[in-house]
Protein backbone atom coordinates (compact mmCIF):
# COMPACT_ATOMS: atom_id res chain seq x y z
CA MET A 1 -6.40 -18.43 -15.17
CA HIS A 2 -5.21 -16.54 -11.93
CA LEU A 3 -7.30 -13.30 -12.04
CA VAL A 4 -10.51 -11.99 -13.51
CA VAL A 5 -11.14 -8.20 -13.54
CA VAL A 6 -14.66 -6.98 -14.13
CA LEU A 7 -15.18 -3.14 -14.68
CA SER A 8 -18.28 -1.14 -15.04
CA PHE A 9 -18.53 2.53 -16.07
CA ASN A 10 -21.45 4.53 -17.35
CA LYS A 11 -21.16 6.17 -20.69
CA TYR A 12 -20.49 9.55 -19.33
CA ASP A 13 -17.20 8.36 -17.57
CA GLN A 14 -15.33 7.24 -20.55
CA ALA A 15 -12.33 9.37 -19.46
CA ILE A 16 -12.26 7.85 -16.10
CA PHE A 17 -12.47 4.39 -17.73
CA TYR A 18 -9.26 4.87 -19.71
CA SER A 19 -7.49 6.54 -16.97
CA VAL A 20 -7.92 3.20 -15.11
CA PHE A 21 -8.07 0.66 -17.89
CA ASP A 22 -4.91 1.33 -19.76
CA PRO A 23 -2.57 1.41 -16.70
CA LEU A 24 -4.42 -1.58 -15.26
CA VAL A 25 -3.75 -3.61 -18.43
CA ALA A 26 -0.17 -2.45 -18.46
CA GLY A 27 0.33 -3.66 -14.99
CA LEU A 28 -1.39 -6.94 -15.39
CA SER A 29 0.57 -7.62 -18.53
CA ASN A 30 3.47 -8.42 -16.32
CA SER A 31 3.14 -11.87 -14.83
CA SER A 32 5.14 -10.95 -11.74
CA HIS A 33 2.46 -8.32 -10.82
CA VAL A 34 -0.31 -10.85 -11.23
CA ASP A 35 1.50 -13.32 -9.13
CA ALA A 36 2.00 -10.90 -6.40
CA LEU A 37 -1.57 -9.95 -6.39
CA VAL A 38 -3.03 -13.39 -6.35
CA ARG A 39 -0.81 -14.28 -3.27
CA LEU A 40 -2.27 -11.61 -1.05
CA ASP A 41 -4.31 -12.86 1.81
CA SER A 42 -7.00 -10.20 2.26
CA TYR A 43 -9.23 -8.17 0.16
CA GLN A 44 -7.99 -5.02 1.47
CA SER A 45 -4.36 -5.86 0.74
CA PHE A 46 -5.43 -6.77 -2.73
CA ILE A 47 -7.25 -3.51 -3.31
CA ASP A 48 -4.36 -1.48 -1.84
CA ASP A 49 -1.73 -3.24 -3.90
CA LEU A 50 -3.89 -3.09 -7.19
CA CYS A 51 -4.40 0.69 -6.69
CA GLU A 52 -0.81 1.15 -6.09
CA LEU A 53 0.08 -0.90 -9.32
CA ILE A 54 -2.37 1.28 -11.26
CA ASP A 55 -0.81 4.52 -9.86
CA GLN A 56 2.63 3.17 -10.86
CA MET A 57 1.57 2.39 -14.34
CA HIS A 58 -0.17 5.72 -14.80
CA ARG A 59 3.02 7.64 -13.55
CA SER A 60 5.27 5.63 -15.81
CA THR A 61 3.16 6.41 -18.94
CA ARG A 62 3.16 10.08 -18.15
CA ALA A 63 7.00 10.11 -17.69
């Protein structure tokens, strides 16, 4: 196991959950994306790259 992701949303934010969860799963399904994330050396770099990955996956599903 290389990465564990825990998400928490309240029941009123289901739309937000799916707008984050689906692109996150799509991005993390690619092992090269996971490898790149686990090699990062700071929390801020990890969060920045993870957010960018989610944005990329979100844009690619809308194209």
